[in-house]
C-alpha atoms as a PDB file:
ATOM      1  CA  UNK A   1     -26.542 -12.426  22.097  1.00  0.00           C
ATOM      2  CA  UNK A   2     -25.632  -9.301  20.147  1.00  0.00           C
ATOM      3  CA  UNK A   3     -23.256  -9.159  17.146  1.00  0.00           C
ATOM      4  CA  UNK A   4     -20.350  -7.588  19.059  1.00  0.00           C
ATOM      5  CA  UNK A   5     -20.620  -9.997  21.978  1.00  0.00           C
ATOM      6  CA  UNK A   6     -20.572 -13.048  19.714  1.00  0.00           C
ATOM      7  CA  UNK A   7     -17.662 -11.629  17.796  1.00  0.00           C
ATOM      8  CA  UNK A   8     -15.642 -10.873  20.921  1.00  0.00           C
ATOM      9  CA  UNK A   9     -16.241 -14.379  22.277  1.00  0.00           C
ATOM     10  CA  UNK A  10     -15.006 -15.814  18.985  1.00  0.00           C
ATOM     11  CA  UNK A  11     -11.992 -13.505  18.948  1.00  0.00           C
ATOM     12  CA  UNK A  12     -10.846 -14.702  22.372  1.00  0.00           C
ATOM     13  CA  UNK A  13     -10.337 -18.213  21.005  1.00  0.00           C
ATOM     14  CA  UNK A  14      -9.784 -17.770  17.284  1.00  0.00           C
ATOM     15  CA  UNK A  15      -8.557 -14.227  16.666  1.00  0.00           C
ATOM     16  CA  UNK A  16      -5.020 -13.061  15.941  1.00  0.00           C
ATOM     17  CA  UNK A  17      -3.320 -11.969  19.162  1.00  0.00           C
ATOM     18  CA  UNK A  18       0.364 -12.078  18.241  1.00  0.00           C
ATOM     19  CA  UNK A  19       0.697  -9.630  15.355  1.00  0.00           C
ATOM     20  CA  UNK A  20       3.893  -7.567  15.773  1.00  0.00           C
ATOM     21  CA  UNK A  21       2.046  -4.230  15.777  1.00  0.00           C
ATOM     22  CA  UNK A  22      -0.382  -5.125  18.562  1.00  0.00           C
ATOM     23  CA  UNK A  23       1.151  -2.738  21.088  1.00  0.00           C
ATOM     24  CA  UNK A  24      -1.289  -0.936  23.374  1.00  0.00           C
ATOM     25  CA  UNK A  25      -0.605   2.616  24.464  1.00  0.00           C
ATOM     26  CA  UNK A  26       1.426   3.806  21.477  1.00  0.00           C
ATOM     27  CA  UNK A  27      -0.161   4.709  18.116  1.00  0.00           C
ATOM     28  CA  UNK A  28       3.079   4.715  16.090  1.00  0.00           C
ATOM     29  CA  UNK A  29       3.424   0.979  15.258  1.00  0.00           C
ATOM     30  CA  UNK A  30      -0.327   0.652  14.713  1.00  0.00           C
ATOM     31  CA  UNK A  31      -0.233   3.585  12.293  1.00  0.00           C
ATOM     32  CA  UNK A  32       2.642   2.033  10.322  1.00  0.00           C
ATOM     33  CA  UNK A  33       0.833  -1.315  10.139  1.00  0.00           C
ATOM     34  CA  UNK A  34      -2.512   0.192   9.134  1.00  0.00           C
ATOM     35  CA  UNK A  35      -0.932   2.076   6.238  1.00  0.00           C
ATOM     36  CA  UNK A  36       0.961  -1.026   5.100  1.00  0.00           C
ATOM     37  CA  UNK A  37      -2.194  -3.146   5.350  1.00  0.00           C
ATOM     38  CA  UNK A  38      -4.096  -0.949   2.914  1.00  0.00           C
ATOM     39  CA  UNK A  39      -4.540  -3.111  -0.208  1.00  0.00           C
ATOM     40  CA  UNK A  40      -2.057  -5.643   1.219  1.00  0.00           C
ATOM     41  CA  UNK A  41      -2.443  -8.913   3.128  1.00  0.00           C
ATOM     42  CA  UNK A  42      -1.140  -9.474   6.663  1.00  0.00           C
ATOM     43  CA  UNK A  43       1.253 -12.254   5.604  1.00  0.00           C
ATOM     44  CA  UNK A  44       2.905  -9.917   3.101  1.00  0.00           C
ATOM     45  CA  UNK A  45       3.060  -6.970   5.490  1.00  0.00           C
ATOM     46  CA  UNK A  46       4.697  -8.663   8.505  1.00  0.00           C
ATOM     47  CA  UNK A  47       8.292  -8.891   7.150  1.00  0.00           C
ATOM     48  CA  UNK A  48       8.078  -5.361   5.715  1.00  0.00           C
ATOM     49  CA  UNK A  49       6.752  -4.051   9.023  1.00  0.00           C
ATOM     50  CA  UNK A  50       9.533  -5.720  11.012  1.00  0.00           C
ATOM     51  CA  UNK A  51      12.267  -4.352   8.723  1.00  0.00           C
ATOM     52  CA  UNK A  52      10.676  -0.904   8.763  1.00  0.00           C
ATOM     53  CA  UNK A  53      10.412  -0.761  12.548  1.00  0.00           C
ATOM     54  CA  UNK A  54      14.006  -1.943  12.934  1.00  0.00           C
ATOM     55  CA  UNK A  55      15.171   1.014  10.843  1.00  0.00           C
ATOM     56  CA  UNK A  56      12.650   3.541  12.173  1.00  0.00           C
ATOM     57  CA  UNK A  57      11.651   2.441  15.708  1.00  0.00           C
ATOM     58  CA  UNK A  58       9.955   5.760  16.472  1.00  0.00           C
ATOM     59  CA  UNK A  59       8.306   8.658  14.733  1.00  0.00           C
ATOM     60  CA  UNK A  60      11.226  11.074  15.098  1.00  0.00           C
ATOM     61  CA  UNK A  61      13.625   8.717  13.341  1.00  0.00           C
ATOM     62  CA  UNK A  62      11.154   8.298  10.499  1.00  0.00           C
ATOM     63  CA  UNK A  63      10.772  12.068  10.176  1.00  0.00           C
ATOM     64  CA  UNK A  64      14.580  12.520  10.088  1.00  0.00           C
ATOM     65  CA  UNK A  65      15.091   9.808   7.455  1.00  0.00           C
ATOM     66  CA  UNK A  66      15.757  10.464   3.788  1.00  0.00           C
ATOM     67  CA  UNK A  67      12.707   9.736   1.650  1.00  0.00           C
ATOM     68  CA  UNK A  68      14.892   7.501  -0.539  1.00  0.00           C
ATOM     69  CA  UNK A  69      15.588   5.288   2.464  1.00  0.00           C
ATOM     70  CA  UNK A  70      11.879   5.036   3.267  1.00  0.00           C
ATOM     71  CA  UNK A  71      11.030   4.149  -0.332  1.00  0.00           C
ATOM     72  CA  UNK A  72      13.860   1.606  -0.418  1.00  0.00           C
ATOM     73  CA  UNK A  73      12.334  -0.252   2.530  1.00  0.00           C
ATOM     74  CA  UNK A  74       8.904  -0.022   0.912  1.00  0.00           C
ATOM     75  CA  UNK A  75      10.071  -1.425  -2.423  1.00  0.00           C
ATOM     76  CA  UNK A  76       7.822  -4.329  -3.421  1.00  0.00           C
ATOM     77  CA  UNK A  77       4.788  -3.308  -1.343  1.00  0.00           C
ATOM     78  CA  UNK A  78       3.364  -1.143  -4.117  1.00  0.00           C
ATOM     79  CA  UNK A  79       1.094   1.913  -3.826  1.00  0.00           C
ATOM     80  CA  UNK A  80       4.154   4.025  -3.046  1.00  0.00           C
ATOM     81  CA  UNK A  81       2.120   7.127  -2.213  1.00  0.00           C
ATOM     82  CA  UNK A  82       1.555   5.380   1.140  1.00  0.00           C
ATOM     83  CA  UNK A  83       5.279   5.545   1.924  1.00  0.00           C
ATOM     84  CA  UNK A  84       5.553   9.170   0.835  1.00  0.00           C
ATOM     85  CA  UNK A  85       2.569  10.060   3.023  1.00  0.00           C
ATOM     86  CA  UNK A  86       4.066   8.214   6.005  1.00  0.00           C
ATOM     87  CA  UNK A  87       7.226  10.286   5.731  1.00  0.00           C
ATOM     88  CA  UNK A  88       5.270  13.522   5.194  1.00  0.00           C
ATOM     89  CA  UNK A  89       2.980  12.825   8.150  1.00  0.00           C
ATOM     90  CA  UNK A  90       5.907  11.986  10.431  1.00  0.00           C
ATOM     91  CA  UNK A  91       7.434  15.362   9.534  1.00  0.00           C
ATOM     92  CA  UNK A  92       4.159  17.206  10.219  1.00  0.00           C
ATOM     93  CA  UNK A  93       3.692  15.530  13.603  1.00  0.00           C
ATOM     94  CA  UNK A  94       7.287  16.348  14.529  1.00  0.00           C
ATOM     95  CA  UNK A  95       6.943  19.996  13.504  1.00  0.00           C
ATOM     96  CA  UNK A  96       3.367  20.779  14.521  1.00  0.00           C
ATOM     97  CA  UNK A  97       2.716  18.372  17.407  1.00  0.00           C
ATOM     98  CA  UNK A  98       6.206  18.279  18.920  1.00  0.00           C
ATOM     99  CA  UNK A  99       6.473  14.609  18.039  1.00  0.00           C
ATOM    100  CA  UNK A 100       3.343  13.594  19.970  1.00  0.00           C
ATOM    101  CA  UNK A 101       0.972  11.489  17.876  1.00  0.00           C
ATOM    102  CA  UNK A 102      -2.464  13.189  17.662  1.00  0.00           C
ATOM    103  CA  UNK A 103      -5.131  11.444  19.722  1.00  0.00           C
ATOM    104  CA  UNK A 104      -8.096  13.335  18.277  1.00  0.00           C
ATOM    105  CA  UNK A 105      -9.676  11.585  15.298  1.00  0.00           C
ATOM    106  CA  UNK A 106     -10.349  14.766  13.331  1.00  0.00           C
ATOM    107  CA  UNK A 107      -6.743  15.877  13.689  1.00  0.00           C
ATOM    108  CA  UNK A 108      -5.628  12.425  12.598  1.00  0.00           C
ATOM    109  CA  UNK A 109      -7.879  12.402   9.521  1.00  0.00           C
ATOM    110  CA  UNK A 110      -6.418  15.745   8.467  1.00  0.00           C
ATOM    111  CA  UNK A 111      -2.947  14.184   8.077  1.00  0.00           C
ATOM    112  CA  UNK A 112      -1.726  12.862   4.699  1.00  0.00           C
ATOM    113  CA  UNK A 113      -2.725   9.294   3.912  1.00  0.00           C
ATOM    114  CA  UNK A 114      -5.022   8.777   6.902  1.00  0.00           C
ATOM    115  CA  UNK A 115      -8.729   8.368   6.191  1.00  0.00           C
ATOM    116  CA  UNK A 116     -11.605   7.910   8.596  1.00  0.00           C
ATOM    117  CA  UNK A 117     -11.347   4.123   8.859  1.00  0.00           C
ATOM    118  CA  UNK A 118      -7.564   4.127   9.271  1.00  0.00           C
ATOM    119  CA  UNK A 119      -7.755   6.855  11.917  1.00  0.00           C
ATOM    120  CA  UNK A 120     -10.430   4.937  13.814  1.00  0.00           C
ATOM    121  CA  UNK A 121      -8.438   1.711  13.698  1.00  0.00           C
ATOM    122  CA  UNK A 122      -5.286   3.446  14.963  1.00  0.00           C
ATOM    123  CA  UNK A 123      -6.992   5.083  17.935  1.00  0.00           C
ATOM    124  CA  UNK A 124      -9.115   2.055  18.803  1.00  0.00           C
ATOM    125  CA  UNK A 125      -6.270  -0.461  18.716  1.00  0.00           C
ATOM    126  CA  UNK A 126      -3.601   1.647  20.376  1.00  0.00           C
ATOM    127  CA  UNK A 127      -5.612   3.723  22.846  1.00  0.00           C
ATOM    128  CA  UNK A 128      -8.915   1.870  23.219  1.00  0.00           C
ATOM    129  CA  UNK A 129     -11.011   4.745  21.858  1.00  0.00           C
ATOM    130  CA  UNK A 130     -14.376   3.793  20.385  1.00  0.00           C
ATOM    131  CA  UNK A 131     -14.467   4.450  16.656  1.00  0.00           C
ATOM    132  CA  UNK A 132     -16.223   2.503  13.894  1.00  0.00           C
ATOM    133  CA  UNK A 133     -14.034   1.288  11.060  1.00  0.00           C
ATOM    134  CA  UNK A 134     -14.797   0.340   7.483  1.00  0.00           C
ATOM    135  CA  UNK A 135     -11.884  -1.282   5.698  1.00  0.00           C
ATOM    136  CA  UNK A 136     -12.381  -3.816   2.906  1.00  0.00           C
ATOM    137  CA  UNK A 137     -12.829  -6.745   5.286  1.00  0.00           C
ATOM    138  CA  UNK A 138     -15.416  -4.926   7.387  1.00  0.00           C
ATOM    139  CA  UNK A 139     -17.348  -3.793   4.317  1.00  0.00           C
ATOM    140  CA  UNK A 140     -17.625  -7.407   3.207  1.00  0.00           C
ATOM    141  CA  UNK A 141     -18.766  -8.643   6.635  1.00  0.00           C
ATOM    142  CA  UNK A 142     -21.429  -5.960   6.991  1.00  0.00           C
ATOM    143  CA  UNK A 143     -22.635  -6.196   3.401  1.00  0.00           C
ATOM    144  CA  UNK A 144     -23.297  -9.911   3.906  1.00  0.00           C
ATOM    145  CA  UNK A 145     -24.586  -9.774   7.454  1.00  0.00           C
ATOM    146  CA  UNK A 146     -27.153  -7.056   6.659  1.00  0.00           C
ATOM    147  CA  UNK A 147     -27.611  -7.802   2.916  1.00  0.00           C
ATOM    148  CA  UNK A 148     -26.593  -4.273   1.975  1.00  0.00           C
ATOM    149  CA  UNK A 149     -27.303  -3.700  -1.685  1.00  0.00           C
ATOM    150  CA  UNK A 150     -25.009  -1.775  -4.008  1.00  0.00           C
ATOM    151  CA  UNK A 151     -21.274  -1.625  -4.620  1.00  0.00           C
ATOM    152  CA  UNK A 152     -19.558  -0.732  -1.287  1.00  0.00           C
ATOM    153  CA  UNK A 153     -17.469   1.915  -3.010  1.00  0.00           C
ATOM    154  CA  UNK A 154     -20.479   3.957  -4.058  1.00  0.00           C
ATOM    155  CA  UNK A 155     -21.379   6.951  -1.928  1.00  0.00           C
ATOM    156  CA  UNK A 156     -24.814   5.820  -0.805  1.00  0.00           C
ATOM    157  CA  UNK A 157     -23.784   2.239  -0.046  1.00  0.00           C
ATOM    158  CA  UNK A 158     -20.720   3.347   1.867  1.00  0.00           C
ATOM    159  CA  UNK A 159     -22.829   5.801   3.864  1.00  0.00           C
ATOM    160  CA  UNK A 160     -25.144   2.961   4.876  1.00  0.00           C
ATOM    161  CA  UNK A 161     -22.211   0.715   5.799  1.00  0.00           C
ATOM    162  CA  UNK A 162     -20.760   3.458   8.001  1.00  0.00           C
ATOM    163  CA  UNK A 163     -24.107   3.794   9.764  1.00  0.00           C
ATOM    164  CA  UNK A 164     -24.253   0.068  10.429  1.00  0.00           C
ATOM    165  CA  UNK A 165     -20.621  -0.075  11.545  1.00  0.00           C
ATOM    166  CA  UNK A 166     -21.258   2.716  14.023  1.00  0.00           C
ATOM    167  CA  UNK A 167     -24.413   1.018  15.346  1.00  0.00           C
ATOM    168  CA  UNK A 168     -22.732  -2.298  16.138  1.00  0.00           C
ATOM    169  CA  UNK A 169     -19.375  -1.013  17.454  1.00  0.00           C
ATOM    170  CA  UNK A 170     -19.374  -1.507  21.233  1.00  0.00           C
ATOM    171  CA  UNK A 171     -18.363   1.093  23.786  1.00  0.00           C
ATOM    172  CA  UNK A 172     -16.152  -1.336  25.698  1.00  0.00           C
ATOM    173  CA  UNK A 173     -13.312  -3.521  24.408  1.00  0.00           C
ATOM    174  CA  UNK A 174     -12.849  -1.296  21.369  1.00  0.00           C
ATOM    175  CA  UNK A 175      -9.335  -2.537  20.586  1.00  0.00           C
ATOM    176  CA  UNK A 176     -10.364  -6.188  20.704  1.00  0.00           C
ATOM    177  CA  UNK A 177     -13.554  -5.585  18.711  1.00  0.00           C
ATOM    178  CA  UNK A 178     -11.715  -3.664  15.987  1.00  0.00           C
ATOM    179  CA  UNK A 179      -9.194  -6.468  15.544  1.00  0.00           C
ATOM    180  CA  UNK A 180     -11.968  -9.072  15.786  1.00  0.00           C
ATOM    181  CA  UNK A 181     -14.090  -7.739  12.941  1.00  0.00           C
ATOM    182  CA  UNK A 182     -11.030  -7.340  10.721  1.00  0.00           C
ATOM    183  CA  UNK A 183      -9.967 -10.904  11.571  1.00  0.00           C
ATOM    184  CA  UNK A 184     -13.448 -12.211  10.817  1.00  0.00           C
ATOM    185  CA  UNK A 185     -13.323 -10.728   7.333  1.00  0.00           C
ATOM    186  CA  UNK A 186      -9.758 -11.868   6.688  1.00  0.00           C
ATOM    187  CA  UNK A 187     -10.002 -15.447   7.963  1.00  0.00           C
ATOM    188  CA  UNK A 188     -13.680 -16.503   7.903  1.00  0.00           C
ATOM    189  CA  UNK A 189     -15.883 -14.159   5.871  1.00  0.00           C
ATOM    190  CA  UNK A 190     -13.409 -14.249   2.993  1.00  0.00           C
ATOM    191  CA  UNK A 191     -13.982 -12.883  -0.476  1.00  0.00           C
ATOM    192  CA  UNK A 192     -14.121 -16.386  -1.953  1.00  0.00           C
ATOM    193  CA  UNK A 193     -14.995 -19.630  -0.183  1.00  0.00           C
ATOM    194  CA  UNK A 194     -16.147 -18.056   3.113  1.00  0.00           C
ATOM    195  CA  UNK A 195     -16.238 -20.475   6.040  1.00  0.00           C
ATOM    196  CA  UNK A 196     -19.813 -19.774   7.076  1.00  0.00           C
ATOM    197  CA  UNK A 197     -20.087 -22.863   9.266  1.00  0.00           C
ATOM    198  CA  UNK A 198     -17.510 -21.547  11.746  1.00  0.00           C
ATOM    199  CA  UNK A 199     -18.692 -17.943  11.657  1.00  0.00           C
ATOM    200  CA  UNK A 200     -19.733 -16.729  15.127  1.00  0.00           C
ATOM    201  CA  UNK A 201     -22.627 -14.684  13.727  1.00  0.00           C
ATOM    202  CA  UNK A 202     -23.920 -17.178  11.164  1.00  0.00           C
ATOM    203  CA  UNK A 203     -27.272 -17.654  12.909  1.00  0.00           C
ATOM    204  CA  UNK A 204     -28.258 -14.059  12.159  1.00  0.00           C
ATOM    205  CA  UNK A 205     -26.362 -13.384   8.905  1.00  0.00           C
ATOM    206  CA  UNK A 206     -28.993 -12.300   6.406  1.00  0.00           C
ATOM    207  CA  UNK A 207     -27.008 -13.381   3.358  1.00  0.00           C
ATOM    208  CA  UNK A 208     -26.522 -16.874   4.771  1.00  0.00           C
ATOM    209  CA  UNK A 209     -30.149 -17.183   5.826  1.00  0.00           C
ATOM    210  CA  UNK A 210     -31.291 -16.277   2.296  1.00  0.00           C
ATOM    211  CA  UNK A 211     -28.565 -18.340   0.599  1.00  0.00           C
ATOM    212  CA  UNK A 212     -27.076 -15.229  -1.022  1.00  0.00           C
ATOM    213  CA  UNK A 213     -23.570 -15.141   0.465  1.00  0.00           C
ATOM    214  CA  UNK A 214     -21.966 -15.214  -2.982  1.00  0.00           C
ATOM    215  CA  UNK A 215     -24.108 -12.244  -4.041  1.00  0.00           C
ATOM    216  CA  UNK A 216     -22.696  -9.867  -1.435  1.00  0.00           C
ATOM    217  CA  UNK A 217     -21.000  -7.489  -1.481  1.00  0.00           C
ATOM    218  CA  UNK A 218     -22.242  -6.404  -4.876  1.00  0.00           C
ATOM    219  CA  UNK A 219     -19.463  -6.015  -7.414  1.00  0.00           C
ATOM    220  CA  UNK A 220     -18.526  -2.867  -9.236  1.00  0.00           C
ATOM    221  CA  UNK A 221     -19.358  -2.885 -12.913  1.00  0.00           C
ATOM    222  CA  UNK A 222     -16.198  -4.073 -14.654  1.00  0.00           C
ATOM    223  CA  UNK A 223     -14.347  -1.622 -16.837  1.00  0.00           C
ATOM    224  CA  UNK A 224     -11.775  -2.498 -19.432  1.00  0.00           C
ATOM    225  CA  UNK A 225      -8.428  -1.142 -18.297  1.00  0.00           C
ATOM    226  CA  UNK A 226      -6.675   1.104 -20.817  1.00  0.00           C
ATOM    227  CA  UNK A 227      -3.262   0.082 -22.098  1.00  0.00           C
ATOM    228  CA  UNK A 228      -0.238   2.383 -22.158  1.00  0.00           C
ATOM    229  CA  UNK A 229       3.005   1.528 -23.900  1.00  0.00           C
ATOM    230  CA  UNK A 230       6.549   2.631 -23.254  1.00  0.00           C
ATOM    231  CA  UNK A 231      10.173   1.540 -23.472  1.00  0.00           C
ATOM    232  CA  UNK A 232      12.787   1.598 -20.729  1.00  0.00           C
ATOM    233  CA  UNK A 233      16.405   2.318 -21.587  1.00  0.00           C
ATOM    234  CA  UNK A 234      18.759  -0.076 -19.804  1.00  0.00           C
ATOM    235  CA  UNK A 235      21.835   2.115 -20.098  1.00  0.00           C
ATOM    236  CA  UNK A 236      25.131   0.842 -18.661  1.00  0.00           C
ATOM    237  CA  UNK A 237      28.641   2.201 -18.402  1.00  0.00           C
ATOM    238  CA  UNK A 238      31.881   0.245 -18.673  1.00  0.00           C
ATOM    239  CA  UNK A 239      31.714  -0.657 -14.974  1.00  0.00           C
ATOM    240  CA  UNK A 240      28.358  -2.344 -15.450  1.00  0.00           C
ATOM    241  CA  UNK A 241      26.548   0.408 -13.538  1.00  0.00           C
ATOM    242  CA  UNK A 242      23.029   1.287 -14.624  1.00  0.00           C
ATOM    243  CA  UNK A 243      21.813   4.804 -15.314  1.00  0.00           C
ATOM    244  CA  UNK A 244      18.750   5.663 -13.216  1.00  0.00           C
ATOM    245  CA  UNK A 245      16.649   8.804 -13.036  1.00  0.00           C
ATOM    246  CA  UNK A 246      14.269   9.835 -10.279  1.00  0.00           C
ATOM    247  CA  UNK A 247      10.594  10.041 -11.118  1.00  0.00           C
ATOM    248  CA  UNK A 248       8.476  13.062 -10.118  1.00  0.00           C
ATOM    249  CA  UNK A 249       7.200  13.023  -6.512  1.00  0.00           C
ATOM    250  CA  UNK A 250       3.620  12.250  -7.542  1.00  0.00           C
ATOM    251  CA  UNK A 251       2.092   9.758  -9.930  1.00  0.00           C
ATOM    252  CA  UNK A 252       3.061   6.166 -10.668  1.00  0.00           C
ATOM    253  CA  UNK A 253       6.246   5.155  -8.836  1.00  0.00           C
ATOM    254  CA  UNK A 254       6.402   8.715  -7.502  1.00  0.00           C
ATOM    255  CA  UNK A 255       9.829   9.586  -6.061  1.00  0.00           C
ATOM    256  CA  UNK A 256      11.316   6.213  -6.981  1.00  0.00           C
ATOM    257  CA  UNK A 257      14.397   5.645  -9.119  1.00  0.00           C
ATOM    258  CA  UNK A 258      13.664   4.274 -12.546  1.00  0.00           C
ATOM    259  CA  UNK A 259      15.220   3.411 -15.879  1.00  0.00           C
ATOM    260  CA  UNK A 260      14.884   6.335 -18.305  1.00  0.00           C
ATOM    261  CA  UNK A 261      11.545   6.077 -20.050  1.00  0.00           C
ATOM    262  CA  UNK A 262      11.220   6.533 -23.770  1.00  0.00           C
ATOM    263  CA  UNK A 263       7.471   6.817 -23.968  1.00  0.00           C
ATOM    264  CA  UNK A 264       5.404   5.855 -26.987  1.00  0.00           C
ATOM    265  CA  UNK A 265       2.380   7.750 -25.670  1.00  0.00           C
ATOM    266  CA  UNK A 266       1.439  11.073 -27.203  1.00  0.00           C
ATOM    267  CA  UNK A 267       1.461  12.575 -23.704  1.00  0.00           C
ATOM    268  CA  UNK A 268       4.154  10.692 -21.739  1.00  0.00           C
ATOM    269  CA  UNK A 269       4.124  10.952 -17.958  1.00  0.00           C
ATOM    270  CA  UNK A 270       7.855  11.528 -17.837  1.00  0.00           C
ATOM    271  CA  UNK A 271      10.252  12.904 -20.414  1.00  0.00           C
ATOM    272  CA  UNK A 272      14.002  12.696 -19.885  1.00  0.00           C
ATOM    273  CA  UNK A 273      15.710  15.301 -22.059  1.00  0.00           C
ATOM    274  CA  UNK A 274      19.216  14.862 -20.691  1.00  0.00           C
ATOM    275  CA  UNK A 275      20.779  11.470 -21.210  1.00  0.00           C
ATOM    276  CA  UNK A 276      24.430  10.563 -21.745  1.00  0.00           C
ATOM    277  CA  UNK A 277      25.281   9.792 -25.361  1.00  0.00           C
ATOM    278  CA  UNK A 278      24.754   6.079 -25.905  1.00  0.00           C
ATOM    279  CA  UNK A 279      24.732   3.272 -28.425  1.00  0.00           C
ATOM    280  CA  UNK A 280      22.138   0.506 -28.534  1.00  0.00           C
ATOM    281  CA  UNK A 281      23.653  -2.916 -27.914  1.00  0.00           C
ATOM    282  CA  UNK A 282      20.701  -5.068 -28.914  1.00  0.00           C
ATOM    283  CA  UNK A 283      17.101  -5.182 -30.023  1.00  0.00           C
ATOM    284  CA  UNK A 284      14.259  -4.282 -27.656  1.00  0.00           C
ATOM    285  CA  UNK A 285      13.027  -7.171 -25.540  1.00  0.00           C
ATOM    286  CA  UNK A 286       9.635  -8.783 -25.985  1.00  0.00           C
ATOM    287  CA  UNK A 287       6.733  -6.799 -24.600  1.00  0.00           C
ATOM    288  CA  UNK A 288       6.130  -7.287 -20.867  1.00  0.00           C
ATOM    289  CA  UNK A 289       2.912  -6.223 -19.145  1.00  0.00           C
ATOM    290  CA  UNK A 290       2.709  -4.715 -15.646  1.00  0.00           C
ATOM    291  CA  UNK A 291      -0.803  -4.000 -14.368  1.00  0.00           C
ATOM    292  CA  UNK A 292      -1.626  -1.088 -12.099  1.00  0.00           C
ATOM    293  CA  UNK A 293      -5.018  -0.562 -10.489  1.00  0.00           C
ATOM    294  CA  UNK A 294      -6.220   1.681 -13.312  1.00  0.00           C
ATOM    295  CA  UNK A 295      -4.256   0.683 -16.423  1.00  0.00           C
ATOM    296  CA  UNK A 296      -1.955  -1.885 -18.019  1.00  0.00           C
ATOM    297  CA  UNK A 297       1.601  -0.838 -18.840  1.00  0.00           C
ATOM    298  CA  UNK A 298       3.148  -2.715 -21.763  1.00  0.00           C
ATOM    299  CA  UNK A 299       6.867  -2.102 -21.997  1.00  0.00           C
ATOM    300  CA  UNK A 300      10.005  -3.198 -23.770  1.00  0.00           C
ATOM    301  CA  UNK A 301      13.590  -2.832 -22.570  1.00  0.00           C
ATOM    302  CA  UNK A 302      16.249  -1.365 -24.841  1.00  0.00           C
ATOM    303  CA  UNK A 303      19.834  -2.337 -23.874  1.00  0.00           C
ATOM    304  CA  UNK A 304      22.463   0.330 -24.450  1.00  0.00           C
ATOM    305  CA  UNK A 305      25.951   1.429 -23.419  1.00  0.00           C
ATOM    306  CA  UNK A 306      27.269   4.968 -22.961  1.00  0.00           C
ATOM    307  CA  UNK A 307      29.910   6.442 -25.211  1.00  0.00           C
ATOM    308  CA  UNK A 308      33.421   7.428 -24.198  1.00  0.00           C
ATOM    309  CA  UNK A 309      33.803  10.408 -21.879  1.00  0.00           C
ATOM    310  CA  UNK A 310      30.150  10.329 -20.834  1.00  0.00           C
ATOM    311  CA  UNK A 311      30.557   6.953 -19.162  1.00  0.00           C
ATOM    312  CA  UNK A 312      30.724   8.290 -15.610  1.00  0.00           C
ATOM    313  CA  UNK A 313      28.989  11.645 -15.791  1.00  0.00           C
ATOM    314  CA  UNK A 314      25.546  12.383 -14.412  1.00  0.00           C
ATOM    315  CA  UNK A 315      23.307  14.923 -16.092  1.00  0.00           C
ATOM    316  CA  UNK A 316      22.201  17.863 -13.968  1.00  0.00           C
ATOM    317  CA  UNK A 317      18.871  18.516 -15.685  1.00  0.00           C
ATOM    318  CA  UNK A 318      17.153  15.689 -13.814  1.00  0.00           C
ATOM    319  CA  UNK A 319      18.120  13.771 -10.644  1.00  0.00           C
ATOM    320  CA  UNK A 320      20.182  10.803 -11.852  1.00  0.00           C
ATOM    321  CA  UNK A 321      22.664   8.260 -10.509  1.00  0.00           C
ATOM    322  CA  UNK A 322      24.797   5.366 -11.667  1.00  0.00           C
ATOM    323  CA  UNK A 323      23.519   2.315  -9.825  1.00  0.00           C
ATOM    324  CA  UNK A 324      25.743  -0.687  -9.086  1.00  0.00           C
ATOM    325  CA  UNK A 325      23.546  -3.828  -9.034  1.00  0.00           C
ATOM    326  CA  UNK A 326      26.268  -5.709  -7.147  1.00  0.00           C
ATOM    327  CA  UNK A 327      26.320  -3.106  -4.380  1.00  0.00           C
ATOM    328  CA  UNK A 328      22.740  -1.885  -4.086  1.00  0.00           C
ATOM    329  CA  UNK A 329      22.423   1.431  -2.306  1.00  0.00           C
ATOM    330  CA  UNK A 330      19.461   2.536  -0.240  1.00  0.00           C
ATOM    331  CA  UNK A 331      17.495   3.759  -3.212  1.00  0.00           C
ATOM    332  CA  UNK A 332      13.798   3.191  -3.676  1.00  0.00           C
ATOM    333  CA  UNK A 333      13.284   1.127  -6.827  1.00  0.00           C
ATOM    334  CA  UNK A 334       9.947  -0.128  -8.093  1.00  0.00           C
ATOM    335  CA  UNK A 335       9.865  -3.929  -8.058  1.00  0.00           C
ATOM    336  CA  UNK A 336       9.523  -4.257 -11.882  1.00  0.00           C
ATOM    337  CA  UNK A 337      12.539  -1.976 -12.412  1.00  0.00           C
ATOM    338  CA  UNK A 338      14.632  -3.946  -9.919  1.00  0.00           C
ATOM    339  CA  UNK A 339      13.634  -7.138 -11.745  1.00  0.00           C
ATOM    340  CA  UNK A 340      14.659  -5.701 -15.123  1.00  0.00           C
ATOM    341  CA  UNK A 341      18.061  -4.637 -13.836  1.00  0.00           C
ATOM    342  CA  UNK A 342      18.907  -7.945 -12.217  1.00  0.00           C
ATOM    343  CA  UNK A 343      17.523 -10.084 -15.042  1.00  0.00           C
ATOM    344  CA  UNK A 344      19.838  -8.334 -17.516  1.00  0.00           C
ATOM    345  CA  UNK A 345      23.038  -8.693 -15.537  1.00  0.00           C
ATOM    346  CA  UNK A 346      25.942 -10.108 -17.486  1.00  0.00           C
END
């Protein structure tokens, strides 16, 4: 029995059939879920997806929404460029496609935030089109099953994995197969402690047959992450409101609202030249580390209070607001910033 047939038989009994985005005939919820699932586990995504769909049940409502509202609902999921691209893509589809989700894979790939694998998964799961996919789970399954050498992120290895994915993707039952191979990687062929005994394709898995499951997929050579340092100004007025500024639309926490950053780097990402006059009310906190995918950020928090007549003004040089922690508005805040604000409440 071929790979796909074994996998589909397994999926019928053991696959996930009740995920909230498994809606045939409409790409919109599948698109939202696929973007959320990038770098994020299903169990984490489900509550975010349900809240998101309640607020934006269709593409037109997402396109009409304020970006701040979208980022607010995304807060805590990380990789915020995904949320910005969702909003941008919804606007493009509304303007250029009259609100009809593209059903051609090349047109889909051309949209912000949608790569080849994501586009294939969207069209396969929602419309039953045959397209190979190659997300992290699928890369791991194929690397083990075929003993594909090399780090899956390298150009040559990824090219080979795409070839294999295309070869084994069936013409029929594309939606079920796409979900099945993702489920296999997520629940059986896991990164650590894979359950090879229950795997439906274990009799022909080359890594298992050669006792090399732990070897595949090959790991990327580890690099030491650089460390950046900064300080955040926790500036309050007499009402207890916190002064926030909006970060640039691109880069780390792009478009989100943040405490003013007083950077210790020689080339800071963000410089805030217009702050209300203030007085420090305490020493900087101990250094806290937040790790991004490509660097560590070590930061301290400096508590301060504004002076006199500046207590309620907002500078015009940079987008800024006074934020009431007791009455949170629909602003997109990065999870570490939200934690700082609420851990320093008096």
